[in-house]
N, C-alpha and C. Protein backbone atom coordinates (compact mmCIF):
# COMPACT_ATOMS: atom_id res chain seq x y z
N MET A 1 4.46 17.43 -1.86
CA MET A 1 4.87 17.97 -3.14
C MET A 1 6.29 18.51 -3.00
N ILE A 2 7.09 18.27 -4.02
CA ILE A 2 8.45 18.79 -4.09
C ILE A 2 8.50 19.81 -5.21
N VAL A 3 9.03 20.99 -4.92
CA VAL A 3 9.17 22.04 -5.93
C VAL A 3 10.64 22.13 -6.31
N VAL A 4 10.91 22.13 -7.64
CA VAL A 4 12.27 22.13 -8.16
C VAL A 4 12.41 23.23 -9.19
N LEU A 5 13.53 23.92 -9.17
CA LEU A 5 13.79 24.97 -10.17
C LEU A 5 14.17 24.35 -11.51
N SER A 6 13.64 24.91 -12.58
CA SER A 6 13.96 24.45 -13.93
C SER A 6 15.47 24.51 -14.15
N GLY A 7 16.01 23.46 -14.77
CA GLY A 7 17.43 23.40 -15.06
C GLY A 7 18.27 22.76 -13.97
N SER A 8 17.66 22.50 -12.82
CA SER A 8 18.42 21.91 -11.72
C SER A 8 18.27 20.39 -11.70
N THR A 9 18.91 19.76 -10.72
CA THR A 9 18.83 18.32 -10.54
C THR A 9 18.03 18.03 -9.27
N ALA A 10 17.10 17.10 -9.38
CA ALA A 10 16.30 16.68 -8.22
C ALA A 10 16.64 15.23 -7.89
N ARG A 11 16.75 14.94 -6.61
CA ARG A 11 16.98 13.57 -6.16
C ARG A 11 15.79 13.16 -5.30
N LEU A 12 15.08 12.15 -5.77
CA LEU A 12 13.93 11.61 -5.03
C LEU A 12 14.43 10.36 -4.32
N LYS A 13 14.69 10.49 -3.04
CA LYS A 13 15.34 9.42 -2.28
C LYS A 13 14.32 8.65 -1.47
N TRP A 14 14.24 7.35 -1.74
CA TRP A 14 13.36 6.46 -1.00
C TRP A 14 14.20 5.43 -0.26
N SER A 15 13.62 4.83 0.74
CA SER A 15 14.31 3.76 1.46
C SER A 15 13.36 2.58 1.61
N PHE A 16 13.93 1.43 1.91
CA PHE A 16 13.13 0.23 2.10
C PHE A 16 13.90 -0.73 2.99
N ARG A 17 13.19 -1.71 3.52
CA ARG A 17 13.82 -2.76 4.32
C ARG A 17 13.86 -4.02 3.48
N GLY A 18 14.95 -4.74 3.60
CA GLY A 18 15.10 -5.98 2.86
C GLY A 18 16.43 -6.01 2.14
N LYS A 19 16.79 -7.18 1.67
CA LYS A 19 18.03 -7.35 0.92
C LYS A 19 17.81 -6.89 -0.51
N LEU A 20 18.71 -6.04 -0.99
CA LEU A 20 18.59 -5.52 -2.35
C LEU A 20 18.57 -6.64 -3.38
N SER A 21 19.33 -7.71 -3.13
CA SER A 21 19.40 -8.82 -4.09
C SER A 21 18.11 -9.62 -4.16
N GLN A 22 17.21 -9.43 -3.21
CA GLN A 22 15.94 -10.17 -3.20
C GLN A 22 14.75 -9.23 -3.38
N THR A 23 15.01 -8.10 -4.00
CA THR A 23 13.99 -7.06 -4.09
C THR A 23 13.83 -6.57 -5.52
N THR A 24 12.60 -6.34 -5.91
CA THR A 24 12.32 -5.68 -7.18
C THR A 24 11.90 -4.25 -6.86
N LEU A 25 12.55 -3.31 -7.55
CA LEU A 25 12.26 -1.89 -7.37
C LEU A 25 11.79 -1.33 -8.70
N LEU A 26 10.70 -0.57 -8.68
CA LEU A 26 10.16 0.02 -9.90
C LEU A 26 9.88 1.50 -9.68
N TRP A 27 10.17 2.31 -10.69
CA TRP A 27 9.88 3.74 -10.67
C TRP A 27 8.96 4.05 -11.84
N HIS A 28 7.80 4.64 -11.57
CA HIS A 28 6.82 5.02 -12.58
C HIS A 28 6.62 6.53 -12.57
N PHE A 29 6.16 7.05 -13.69
CA PHE A 29 5.91 8.48 -13.81
C PHE A 29 4.59 8.71 -14.51
N THR A 30 3.79 9.62 -13.98
CA THR A 30 2.57 10.08 -14.63
C THR A 30 2.68 11.59 -14.80
N ARG A 31 2.73 12.04 -16.05
CA ARG A 31 2.88 13.47 -16.33
C ARG A 31 1.63 14.23 -15.89
N ARG A 32 1.83 15.38 -15.29
CA ARG A 32 0.71 16.23 -14.84
C ARG A 32 -0.18 16.56 -16.04
N GLY A 33 -1.47 16.40 -15.87
CA GLY A 33 -2.43 16.71 -16.92
C GLY A 33 -2.60 15.60 -17.94
N SER A 34 -1.87 14.50 -17.78
CA SER A 34 -1.95 13.40 -18.73
C SER A 34 -3.12 12.49 -18.39
N SER A 35 -3.82 12.05 -19.41
CA SER A 35 -4.90 11.09 -19.18
C SER A 35 -4.37 9.67 -19.31
N ASN A 36 -3.10 9.54 -19.70
CA ASN A 36 -2.49 8.21 -19.85
C ASN A 36 -2.13 7.62 -18.50
N GLU A 37 -2.01 6.31 -18.49
CA GLU A 37 -1.54 5.63 -17.28
C GLU A 37 -0.08 5.97 -17.05
N ASP A 38 0.40 5.61 -15.89
CA ASP A 38 1.80 5.89 -15.60
C ASP A 38 2.73 5.08 -16.49
N VAL A 39 3.96 5.57 -16.64
CA VAL A 39 4.96 4.96 -17.50
C VAL A 39 6.09 4.43 -16.62
N LEU A 40 6.51 3.20 -16.87
CA LEU A 40 7.66 2.63 -16.16
C LEU A 40 8.91 3.31 -16.68
N ILE A 41 9.64 4.01 -15.79
CA ILE A 41 10.83 4.72 -16.25
C ILE A 41 12.12 4.03 -15.83
N ALA A 42 12.07 3.18 -14.81
CA ALA A 42 13.26 2.45 -14.39
C ALA A 42 12.86 1.27 -13.53
N GLY A 43 13.74 0.29 -13.46
CA GLY A 43 13.47 -0.87 -12.63
C GLY A 43 14.74 -1.61 -12.26
N LYS A 44 14.72 -2.24 -11.12
CA LYS A 44 15.78 -3.14 -10.69
C LYS A 44 15.07 -4.43 -10.32
N PHE A 45 15.41 -5.48 -11.04
CA PHE A 45 14.66 -6.71 -10.92
C PHE A 45 15.47 -7.79 -10.22
N GLY A 46 15.05 -8.16 -9.02
CA GLY A 46 15.65 -9.27 -8.29
C GLY A 46 17.16 -9.19 -8.14
N THR A 47 17.84 -10.21 -8.66
CA THR A 47 19.28 -10.34 -8.44
C THR A 47 20.13 -9.47 -9.36
N ARG A 48 19.53 -8.73 -10.26
CA ARG A 48 20.32 -7.84 -11.11
C ARG A 48 21.00 -6.80 -10.23
N VAL A 49 22.26 -6.55 -10.52
CA VAL A 49 23.04 -5.64 -9.68
C VAL A 49 22.59 -4.19 -9.86
N ASN A 50 22.39 -3.76 -11.10
CA ASN A 50 22.07 -2.36 -11.38
C ASN A 50 20.63 -2.20 -11.85
N ALA A 51 20.11 -1.04 -11.58
CA ALA A 51 18.78 -0.70 -12.09
C ALA A 51 18.89 -0.36 -13.57
N GLN A 52 17.84 -0.62 -14.30
CA GLN A 52 17.78 -0.30 -15.73
C GLN A 52 16.88 0.90 -15.91
N VAL A 53 17.40 1.90 -16.62
CA VAL A 53 16.61 3.09 -16.95
C VAL A 53 16.15 2.92 -18.39
N PHE A 54 14.88 3.14 -18.63
CA PHE A 54 14.32 3.01 -19.97
C PHE A 54 14.41 4.37 -20.64
N ALA A 55 15.55 4.61 -21.29
CA ALA A 55 15.94 5.95 -21.78
C ALA A 55 14.94 6.56 -22.75
N SER A 56 14.29 5.75 -23.55
CA SER A 56 13.39 6.33 -24.55
C SER A 56 12.23 7.08 -23.90
N SER A 57 11.84 6.65 -22.72
CA SER A 57 10.72 7.32 -22.05
C SER A 57 11.16 8.30 -20.98
N SER A 58 12.46 8.35 -20.71
CA SER A 58 12.90 9.17 -19.58
C SER A 58 14.33 9.70 -19.75
N PRO A 59 14.55 10.61 -20.69
CA PRO A 59 15.89 11.19 -20.81
C PRO A 59 16.22 12.00 -19.56
N GLY A 60 17.49 11.98 -19.17
CA GLY A 60 17.90 12.75 -18.00
C GLY A 60 17.61 12.09 -16.67
N VAL A 61 17.24 10.81 -16.69
CA VAL A 61 16.92 10.09 -15.46
C VAL A 61 18.04 9.10 -15.16
N ALA A 62 18.39 8.98 -13.88
CA ALA A 62 19.38 8.00 -13.44
C ALA A 62 18.93 7.44 -12.10
N ILE A 63 19.54 6.32 -11.72
CA ILE A 63 19.27 5.70 -10.43
C ILE A 63 20.57 5.66 -9.64
N GLU A 64 20.51 6.09 -8.38
CA GLU A 64 21.62 5.94 -7.46
C GLU A 64 21.22 4.85 -6.46
N THR A 65 22.08 3.87 -6.29
CA THR A 65 21.80 2.74 -5.40
C THR A 65 21.68 3.22 -3.97
N PRO A 66 20.74 2.71 -3.20
CA PRO A 66 19.86 1.64 -3.60
C PRO A 66 18.55 2.11 -4.24
N ALA A 67 18.04 3.31 -3.90
CA ALA A 67 16.68 3.62 -4.35
C ALA A 67 16.44 5.10 -4.56
N THR A 68 17.42 5.80 -5.14
CA THR A 68 17.25 7.23 -5.39
C THR A 68 17.05 7.47 -6.88
N LEU A 69 15.96 8.13 -7.22
CA LEU A 69 15.69 8.51 -8.61
C LEU A 69 16.25 9.91 -8.82
N VAL A 70 17.15 10.07 -9.80
CA VAL A 70 17.79 11.35 -10.07
C VAL A 70 17.21 11.91 -11.36
N LEU A 71 16.71 13.14 -11.28
CA LEU A 71 16.15 13.84 -12.44
C LEU A 71 17.11 14.98 -12.77
N ASN A 72 17.80 14.87 -13.90
CA ASN A 72 18.82 15.84 -14.29
C ASN A 72 18.27 16.90 -15.23
N ASN A 73 18.70 18.16 -15.01
CA ASN A 73 18.35 19.26 -15.91
C ASN A 73 16.84 19.30 -16.18
N VAL A 74 16.07 19.38 -15.11
CA VAL A 74 14.61 19.27 -15.22
C VAL A 74 13.98 20.48 -15.91
N ASP A 75 12.86 20.23 -16.55
CA ASP A 75 12.02 21.28 -17.12
C ASP A 75 10.57 20.88 -16.88
N GLU A 76 9.63 21.60 -17.48
CA GLU A 76 8.21 21.34 -17.21
C GLU A 76 7.77 19.94 -17.61
N CYS A 77 8.52 19.26 -18.46
CA CYS A 77 8.18 17.88 -18.84
C CYS A 77 8.27 16.91 -17.66
N TYR A 78 8.97 17.31 -16.61
CA TYR A 78 9.14 16.47 -15.42
C TYR A 78 8.04 16.68 -14.39
N ASN A 79 7.11 17.60 -14.63
CA ASN A 79 5.98 17.83 -13.73
C ASN A 79 5.11 16.58 -13.67
N GLY A 80 4.79 16.13 -12.48
CA GLY A 80 3.89 15.01 -12.36
C GLY A 80 4.14 14.19 -11.11
N LYS A 81 3.59 12.98 -11.11
CA LYS A 81 3.70 12.08 -9.96
C LYS A 81 4.70 10.98 -10.26
N TYR A 82 5.55 10.72 -9.28
CA TYR A 82 6.54 9.66 -9.36
C TYR A 82 6.19 8.62 -8.30
N ARG A 83 6.07 7.37 -8.75
CA ARG A 83 5.70 6.29 -7.83
C ARG A 83 6.86 5.31 -7.73
N PHE A 84 7.24 4.99 -6.51
CA PHE A 84 8.30 4.03 -6.23
C PHE A 84 7.65 2.80 -5.62
N THR A 85 7.86 1.63 -6.25
CA THR A 85 7.27 0.39 -5.78
C THR A 85 8.37 -0.57 -5.35
N VAL A 86 8.18 -1.22 -4.21
CA VAL A 86 9.13 -2.19 -3.67
C VAL A 86 8.40 -3.51 -3.49
N GLN A 87 9.02 -4.58 -3.98
CA GLN A 87 8.48 -5.90 -3.69
C GLN A 87 9.65 -6.81 -3.31
N VAL A 88 9.68 -7.19 -2.04
CA VAL A 88 10.68 -8.13 -1.54
C VAL A 88 10.18 -9.52 -1.89
N TYR A 89 11.09 -10.39 -2.35
CA TYR A 89 10.74 -11.75 -2.73
C TYR A 89 9.84 -12.40 -1.68
N GLY A 90 8.68 -12.86 -2.11
CA GLY A 90 7.74 -13.53 -1.23
C GLY A 90 6.82 -12.59 -0.46
N GLY A 91 6.99 -11.28 -0.68
CA GLY A 91 6.19 -10.31 0.06
C GLY A 91 5.18 -9.61 -0.84
N ILE A 92 4.47 -8.68 -0.25
CA ILE A 92 3.47 -7.89 -0.96
C ILE A 92 4.10 -6.59 -1.42
N ALA A 93 3.79 -6.18 -2.64
CA ALA A 93 4.33 -4.92 -3.16
C ALA A 93 3.78 -3.74 -2.37
N GLN A 94 4.66 -2.79 -2.09
CA GLN A 94 4.28 -1.56 -1.41
C GLN A 94 4.80 -0.39 -2.22
N TYR A 95 4.12 0.74 -2.13
CA TYR A 95 4.57 1.87 -2.94
C TYR A 95 4.40 3.19 -2.21
N ALA A 96 5.11 4.19 -2.73
CA ALA A 96 5.01 5.56 -2.23
C ALA A 96 4.98 6.48 -3.44
N VAL A 97 4.26 7.59 -3.32
CA VAL A 97 4.10 8.53 -4.44
C VAL A 97 4.55 9.91 -3.98
N VAL A 98 5.25 10.62 -4.86
CA VAL A 98 5.61 12.02 -4.61
C VAL A 98 5.26 12.82 -5.85
N GLU A 99 4.72 14.01 -5.64
CA GLU A 99 4.40 14.89 -6.77
C GLU A 99 5.51 15.92 -6.90
N VAL A 100 5.96 16.13 -8.14
CA VAL A 100 7.04 17.08 -8.43
C VAL A 100 6.48 18.21 -9.28
N PHE A 101 6.81 19.43 -8.89
CA PHE A 101 6.40 20.62 -9.65
C PHE A 101 7.64 21.41 -10.00
N ILE A 102 7.82 21.71 -11.29
CA ILE A 102 8.98 22.45 -11.77
C ILE A 102 8.60 23.91 -11.96
N LEU A 103 9.39 24.81 -11.37
CA LEU A 103 9.19 26.26 -11.53
C LEU A 103 10.00 26.78 -12.69
């Protein structure tokens, strides 16, 4: 679990092996206490140079290359689980989850 002060910026830094140009990266979010499935908040698909942030579902979110999810000016809406999924072309998808709690 990562604890972050309200109003600050959190950087969730992940790493992976493989060529970025042959890799799909996905970031999902499940809000704490939500009965809904996780929401795709950003993705980098194959040969695309930059990751795409889906702003309507994730204001204040950015991606730093290669695989850092940046949460800007956080508040209690950012409480929950963040899942990072990596799939290298021809390989099996792997993921890691981190829980974030905002004070």
